[in-house]
Amino acid sequence: MRDRVESCIRNIANTSFEIQIYDRDNYRKTLSELDLTPSIAAEVIRNLTVEDYYRGPTKPDHCDKGDIWEFGTKIDNIEVYIKLHIIEDFGVTYVTCISFHKAQWPINYPLRGDE
């Protein structure tokens, strides 16, 4: 599983397209509370690590392409939940962030050595 997550992380970091982020109330609230801009949120996504992996890939409910990957990371000691829809098409990676908000429950990180 670690190899698949590493490949996913590389694809996110190296996508040449802008990361699209759904503009939802909890996203805006999290940005405001953590004093982040949308471009900083996109950088957080580009800088995810294997250790930030939570679960996935799973198939999306809303379309037949790509996979859903879930991550968590700490920003200013606040755990943030990140859910991504990643489509790889003809060697190009498209990343859409479905969720980016303060975690509503503790996140389990299966690829961290200390957990």
N, C-alpha and C. Protein backbone atom coordinates (compact mmCIF):
# COMPACT_ATOMS: atom_id res chain seq x y z
N MET A 1 0.83 -1.19 0.00
CA MET A 1 0.00 0.00 0.00
C MET A 1 0.87 1.26 0.00
N ARG A 2 1.98 1.21 0.71
CA ARG A 2 2.86 2.38 0.79
C ARG A 2 3.28 2.84 -0.62
N ASP A 3 3.57 1.89 -1.51
CA ASP A 3 3.99 2.25 -2.87
C ASP A 3 2.88 2.99 -3.62
N ARG A 4 1.65 2.55 -3.46
CA ARG A 4 0.52 3.22 -4.12
C ARG A 4 0.33 4.63 -3.59
N VAL A 5 0.48 4.79 -2.28
CA VAL A 5 0.33 6.12 -1.67
C VAL A 5 1.48 7.02 -2.13
N GLU A 6 2.69 6.50 -2.18
CA GLU A 6 3.83 7.29 -2.65
C GLU A 6 3.60 7.76 -4.09
N SER A 7 3.08 6.89 -4.93
CA SER A 7 2.79 7.26 -6.31
C SER A 7 1.71 8.35 -6.36
N CYS A 8 0.68 8.21 -5.55
CA CYS A 8 -0.38 9.21 -5.48
C CYS A 8 0.18 10.56 -5.05
N ILE A 9 1.00 10.56 -4.02
CA ILE A 9 1.60 11.80 -3.49
C ILE A 9 2.46 12.47 -4.57
N ARG A 10 3.25 11.68 -5.28
CA ARG A 10 4.08 12.23 -6.36
C ARG A 10 3.21 12.88 -7.43
N ASN A 11 2.12 12.20 -7.80
CA ASN A 11 1.22 12.73 -8.82
C ASN A 11 0.56 14.04 -8.38
N ILE A 12 0.18 14.11 -7.11
CA ILE A 12 -0.40 15.35 -6.58
C ILE A 12 0.63 16.48 -6.65
N ALA A 13 1.82 16.21 -6.17
CA ALA A 13 2.86 17.23 -6.11
C ALA A 13 3.27 17.71 -7.50
N ASN A 14 3.22 16.82 -8.47
CA ASN A 14 3.73 17.14 -9.81
C ASN A 14 2.66 17.53 -10.82
N THR A 15 1.39 17.59 -10.39
CA THR A 15 0.37 17.97 -11.37
C THR A 15 0.66 19.37 -11.89
N SER A 16 0.53 19.51 -13.18
CA SER A 16 0.80 20.82 -13.79
C SER A 16 -0.44 21.70 -13.81
N PHE A 17 -1.56 21.16 -13.38
CA PHE A 17 -2.80 21.91 -13.36
C PHE A 17 -3.07 22.46 -11.96
N GLU A 18 -3.82 23.52 -11.89
CA GLU A 18 -4.22 24.09 -10.61
C GLU A 18 -5.08 23.08 -9.87
N ILE A 19 -4.86 22.97 -8.58
CA ILE A 19 -5.69 22.09 -7.76
C ILE A 19 -7.01 22.80 -7.50
N GLN A 20 -8.09 22.18 -7.91
CA GLN A 20 -9.42 22.74 -7.71
C GLN A 20 -9.91 22.37 -6.31
N ILE A 21 -10.45 23.35 -5.59
CA ILE A 21 -10.95 23.10 -4.24
C ILE A 21 -12.41 23.52 -4.19
N TYR A 22 -13.28 22.58 -3.77
CA TYR A 22 -14.70 22.91 -3.63
C TYR A 22 -14.85 24.01 -2.58
N ASP A 23 -15.56 25.05 -2.91
CA ASP A 23 -15.76 26.19 -2.02
C ASP A 23 -17.00 25.96 -1.17
N ARG A 24 -16.79 25.34 -0.02
CA ARG A 24 -17.90 25.03 0.88
C ARG A 24 -17.75 25.84 2.16
N ASP A 25 -18.82 25.92 2.94
CA ASP A 25 -18.80 26.71 4.17
C ASP A 25 -17.70 26.26 5.14
N ASN A 26 -17.58 24.94 5.34
CA ASN A 26 -16.57 24.47 6.30
C ASN A 26 -15.15 24.71 5.78
N TYR A 27 -14.97 24.75 4.48
CA TYR A 27 -13.66 25.09 3.89
C TYR A 27 -13.33 26.55 4.18
N ARG A 28 -14.28 27.44 3.90
CA ARG A 28 -14.05 28.87 4.16
C ARG A 28 -13.80 29.13 5.64
N LYS A 29 -14.57 28.45 6.49
CA LYS A 29 -14.40 28.63 7.94
C LYS A 29 -13.02 28.18 8.39
N THR A 30 -12.56 27.03 7.88
CA THR A 30 -11.23 26.54 8.24
C THR A 30 -10.15 27.49 7.75
N LEU A 31 -10.26 27.98 6.52
CA LEU A 31 -9.28 28.94 6.02
C LEU A 31 -9.22 30.16 6.91
N SER A 32 -10.38 30.68 7.30
CA SER A 32 -10.44 31.86 8.15
C SER A 32 -9.81 31.60 9.52
N GLU A 33 -10.19 30.48 10.14
CA GLU A 33 -9.68 30.17 11.48
C GLU A 33 -8.18 29.94 11.49
N LEU A 34 -7.64 29.38 10.40
CA LEU A 34 -6.21 29.09 10.35
C LEU A 34 -5.42 30.17 9.59
N ASP A 35 -6.12 31.24 9.21
CA ASP A 35 -5.51 32.36 8.49
C ASP A 35 -4.77 31.88 7.23
N LEU A 36 -5.49 31.08 6.43
CA LEU A 36 -4.94 30.54 5.18
C LEU A 36 -5.63 31.19 3.99
N THR A 37 -4.95 31.20 2.87
CA THR A 37 -5.54 31.59 1.60
C THR A 37 -5.79 30.33 0.78
N PRO A 38 -6.62 30.40 -0.25
CA PRO A 38 -6.79 29.22 -1.12
C PRO A 38 -5.47 28.72 -1.71
N SER A 39 -4.57 29.62 -2.05
CA SER A 39 -3.29 29.17 -2.61
C SER A 39 -2.44 28.45 -1.57
N ILE A 40 -2.52 28.87 -0.32
CA ILE A 40 -1.79 28.15 0.74
C ILE A 40 -2.43 26.78 0.96
N ALA A 41 -3.75 26.69 0.91
CA ALA A 41 -4.42 25.39 1.04
C ALA A 41 -3.97 24.46 -0.08
N ALA A 42 -3.86 24.98 -1.30
CA ALA A 42 -3.38 24.16 -2.42
C ALA A 42 -1.94 23.71 -2.18
N GLU A 43 -1.11 24.56 -1.61
CA GLU A 43 0.27 24.18 -1.29
C GLU A 43 0.30 23.09 -0.23
N VAL A 44 -0.57 23.19 0.77
CA VAL A 44 -0.67 22.13 1.79
C VAL A 44 -0.96 20.80 1.11
N ILE A 45 -1.88 20.81 0.16
CA ILE A 45 -2.24 19.59 -0.57
C ILE A 45 -1.04 19.08 -1.36
N ARG A 46 -0.36 19.96 -2.06
CA ARG A 46 0.81 19.55 -2.85
C ARG A 46 1.94 18.99 -1.98
N ASN A 47 1.97 19.38 -0.72
CA ASN A 47 3.05 18.96 0.18
C ASN A 47 2.65 17.82 1.12
N LEU A 48 1.53 17.16 0.85
CA LEU A 48 1.17 16.00 1.67
C LEU A 48 2.26 14.94 1.57
N THR A 49 2.38 14.15 2.63
CA THR A 49 3.36 13.07 2.67
C THR A 49 2.67 11.72 2.83
N VAL A 50 3.42 10.67 2.64
CA VAL A 50 2.88 9.32 2.84
C VAL A 50 2.34 9.17 4.26
N GLU A 51 3.00 9.79 5.21
CA GLU A 51 2.57 9.69 6.61
C GLU A 51 1.23 10.39 6.86
N ASP A 52 0.82 11.27 5.96
CA ASP A 52 -0.47 11.96 6.09
C ASP A 52 -1.64 11.12 5.57
N TYR A 53 -1.35 9.99 4.95
CA TYR A 53 -2.37 9.12 4.37
C TYR A 53 -3.33 8.63 5.46
N TYR A 54 -4.63 8.68 5.13
CA TYR A 54 -5.68 8.19 6.02
C TYR A 54 -6.33 6.94 5.43
N ARG A 55 -6.92 7.06 4.24
CA ARG A 55 -7.51 5.89 3.60
C ARG A 55 -7.75 6.14 2.11
N GLY A 56 -7.99 5.05 1.43
CA GLY A 56 -8.22 5.10 -0.01
C GLY A 56 -7.23 4.20 -0.71
N PRO A 57 -7.33 4.05 -1.99
CA PRO A 57 -8.31 4.70 -2.84
C PRO A 57 -9.66 4.00 -2.81
N THR A 58 -10.70 4.79 -2.99
CA THR A 58 -12.05 4.27 -3.17
C THR A 58 -12.62 4.91 -4.43
N LYS A 59 -13.64 4.32 -4.96
CA LYS A 59 -14.28 4.85 -6.17
C LYS A 59 -15.24 5.98 -5.78
N PRO A 60 -15.26 7.05 -6.56
CA PRO A 60 -16.18 8.15 -6.25
C PRO A 60 -17.63 7.77 -6.54
N ASP A 61 -18.53 8.38 -5.79
CA ASP A 61 -19.97 8.16 -5.99
C ASP A 61 -20.50 8.97 -7.15
N HIS A 62 -19.85 10.08 -7.45
CA HIS A 62 -20.41 11.06 -8.39
C HIS A 62 -19.97 10.89 -9.84
N CYS A 63 -19.01 10.02 -10.11
CA CYS A 63 -18.61 9.78 -11.50
C CYS A 63 -17.86 8.45 -11.59
N ASP A 64 -17.54 8.04 -12.81
CA ASP A 64 -16.91 6.74 -12.99
C ASP A 64 -15.40 6.84 -13.23
N LYS A 65 -14.82 8.03 -13.08
CA LYS A 65 -13.38 8.20 -13.30
C LYS A 65 -12.66 8.51 -12.01
N GLY A 66 -11.42 8.04 -11.92
CA GLY A 66 -10.55 8.43 -10.82
C GLY A 66 -10.81 7.69 -9.53
N ASP A 67 -10.13 8.18 -8.51
CA ASP A 67 -10.20 7.60 -7.17
C ASP A 67 -10.30 8.69 -6.13
N ILE A 68 -10.87 8.32 -4.99
CA ILE A 68 -10.93 9.20 -3.82
C ILE A 68 -9.82 8.76 -2.86
N TRP A 69 -9.03 9.73 -2.43
CA TRP A 69 -7.96 9.52 -1.44
C TRP A 69 -8.21 10.48 -0.28
N GLU A 70 -7.95 10.00 0.94
CA GLU A 70 -8.17 10.83 2.13
C GLU A 70 -6.88 10.95 2.93
N PHE A 71 -6.65 12.17 3.41
CA PHE A 71 -5.44 12.48 4.16
C PHE A 71 -5.79 13.36 5.35
N GLY A 72 -4.85 13.50 6.23
CA GLY A 72 -4.96 14.45 7.33
C GLY A 72 -3.60 15.07 7.56
N THR A 73 -3.60 16.28 8.04
CA THR A 73 -2.34 16.95 8.36
C THR A 73 -2.60 17.97 9.44
N LYS A 74 -1.56 18.35 10.15
CA LYS A 74 -1.70 19.37 11.18
C LYS A 74 -1.22 20.71 10.65
N ILE A 75 -2.04 21.71 10.90
CA ILE A 75 -1.70 23.09 10.58
C ILE A 75 -1.90 23.88 11.86
N ASP A 76 -0.82 24.50 12.35
CA ASP A 76 -0.89 25.22 13.63
C ASP A 76 -1.50 24.35 14.73
N ASN A 77 -1.08 23.10 14.75
CA ASN A 77 -1.50 22.12 15.76
C ASN A 77 -2.99 21.77 15.67
N ILE A 78 -3.64 22.07 14.57
CA ILE A 78 -5.05 21.71 14.32
C ILE A 78 -5.05 20.64 13.24
N GLU A 79 -5.73 19.53 13.52
CA GLU A 79 -5.80 18.46 12.53
C GLU A 79 -6.81 18.82 11.44
N VAL A 80 -6.37 18.74 10.18
CA VAL A 80 -7.20 19.08 9.03
C VAL A 80 -7.41 17.82 8.19
N TYR A 81 -8.66 17.58 7.85
CA TYR A 81 -9.06 16.45 7.01
C TYR A 81 -9.10 16.92 5.56
N ILE A 82 -8.50 16.12 4.67
CA ILE A 82 -8.42 16.46 3.25
C ILE A 82 -8.88 15.26 2.43
N LYS A 83 -9.87 15.49 1.60
CA LYS A 83 -10.41 14.43 0.73
C LYS A 83 -10.23 14.87 -0.71
N LEU A 84 -9.54 14.05 -1.50
CA LEU A 84 -9.19 14.40 -2.86
C LEU A 84 -9.78 13.44 -3.87
N HIS A 85 -10.23 13.98 -4.99
CA HIS A 85 -10.64 13.18 -6.15
C HIS A 85 -9.52 13.34 -7.17
N ILE A 86 -8.86 12.25 -7.49
CA ILE A 86 -7.71 12.28 -8.38
C ILE A 86 -8.02 11.47 -9.63
N ILE A 87 -7.88 12.13 -10.77
CA ILE A 87 -8.10 11.48 -12.06
C ILE A 87 -6.79 11.53 -12.83
N GLU A 88 -6.35 10.38 -13.29
CA GLU A 88 -5.18 10.31 -14.17
C GLU A 88 -5.69 9.92 -15.55
N ASP A 89 -5.42 10.79 -16.52
CA ASP A 89 -5.95 10.60 -17.87
C ASP A 89 -4.85 10.91 -18.87
N PHE A 90 -4.44 9.90 -19.61
CA PHE A 90 -3.39 10.06 -20.62
C PHE A 90 -2.11 10.68 -20.05
N GLY A 91 -1.73 10.21 -18.86
CA GLY A 91 -0.50 10.68 -18.24
C GLY A 91 -0.60 12.02 -17.54
N VAL A 92 -1.80 12.59 -17.46
CA VAL A 92 -2.01 13.87 -16.81
C VAL A 92 -2.83 13.64 -15.54
N THR A 93 -2.43 14.29 -14.45
CA THR A 93 -3.14 14.14 -13.18
C THR A 93 -3.96 15.39 -12.90
N TYR A 94 -5.25 15.17 -12.60
CA TYR A 94 -6.15 16.25 -12.22
C TYR A 94 -6.55 16.01 -10.76
N VAL A 95 -6.43 17.04 -9.94
CA VAL A 95 -6.72 16.92 -8.51
C VAL A 95 -7.84 17.90 -8.15
N THR A 96 -8.90 17.35 -7.56
CA THR A 96 -9.98 18.18 -7.03
C THR A 96 -10.09 17.87 -5.54
N CYS A 97 -10.05 18.91 -4.73
CA CYS A 97 -10.21 18.75 -3.30
C CYS A 97 -11.69 18.86 -2.96
N ILE A 98 -12.24 17.76 -2.47
CA ILE A 98 -13.65 17.70 -2.12
C ILE A 98 -13.87 18.23 -0.71
N SER A 99 -12.92 17.96 0.19
CA SER A 99 -13.02 18.42 1.58
C SER A 99 -11.66 18.93 2.05
N PHE A 100 -11.69 20.04 2.75
CA PHE A 100 -10.51 20.61 3.40
C PHE A 100 -11.05 21.38 4.60
N HIS A 101 -11.05 20.72 5.76
CA HIS A 101 -11.63 21.35 6.95
C HIS A 101 -11.06 20.72 8.21
N LYS A 102 -11.31 21.38 9.32
CA LYS A 102 -10.88 20.82 10.59
C LYS A 102 -11.50 19.44 10.75
N ALA A 103 -10.69 18.50 11.19
CA ALA A 103 -11.18 17.12 11.36
C ALA A 103 -12.31 17.09 12.37
N GLN A 104 -13.35 16.36 12.03
CA GLN A 104 -14.51 16.24 12.91
C GLN A 104 -14.39 15.02 13.81
N TRP A 105 -13.36 14.22 13.62
CA TRP A 105 -13.09 13.03 14.41
C TRP A 105 -11.58 12.79 14.34
N PRO A 106 -11.03 11.99 15.27
CA PRO A 106 -9.60 11.67 15.19
C PRO A 106 -9.30 10.87 13.93
N ILE A 107 -8.21 11.22 13.26
CA ILE A 107 -7.82 10.53 12.04
C ILE A 107 -6.76 9.50 12.36
N ASN A 108 -6.96 8.29 11.84
CA ASN A 108 -5.99 7.21 11.99
C ASN A 108 -5.03 7.27 10.80
N TYR A 109 -3.73 7.26 11.08
CA TYR A 109 -2.71 7.33 10.03
C TYR A 109 -1.99 5.99 9.94
N PRO A 110 -2.45 5.08 9.10
CA PRO A 110 -1.92 3.72 9.09
C PRO A 110 -0.46 3.60 8.63
N LEU A 111 0.08 4.59 7.95
CA LEU A 111 1.44 4.49 7.45
C LEU A 111 2.45 5.26 8.29
N ARG A 112 2.03 5.73 9.45
CA ARG A 112 2.97 6.36 10.37
C ARG A 112 3.58 5.29 11.24
N GLY A 113 4.88 5.39 11.43
CA GLY A 113 5.59 4.38 12.19
C GLY A 113 5.26 4.36 13.67
N ASP A 114 4.80 5.49 14.21
CA ASP A 114 4.56 5.57 15.65
C ASP A 114 3.13 5.24 16.06
N GLU A 115 2.31 4.83 15.09
CA GLU A 115 0.91 4.55 15.44
C GLU A 115 0.56 3.11 15.12
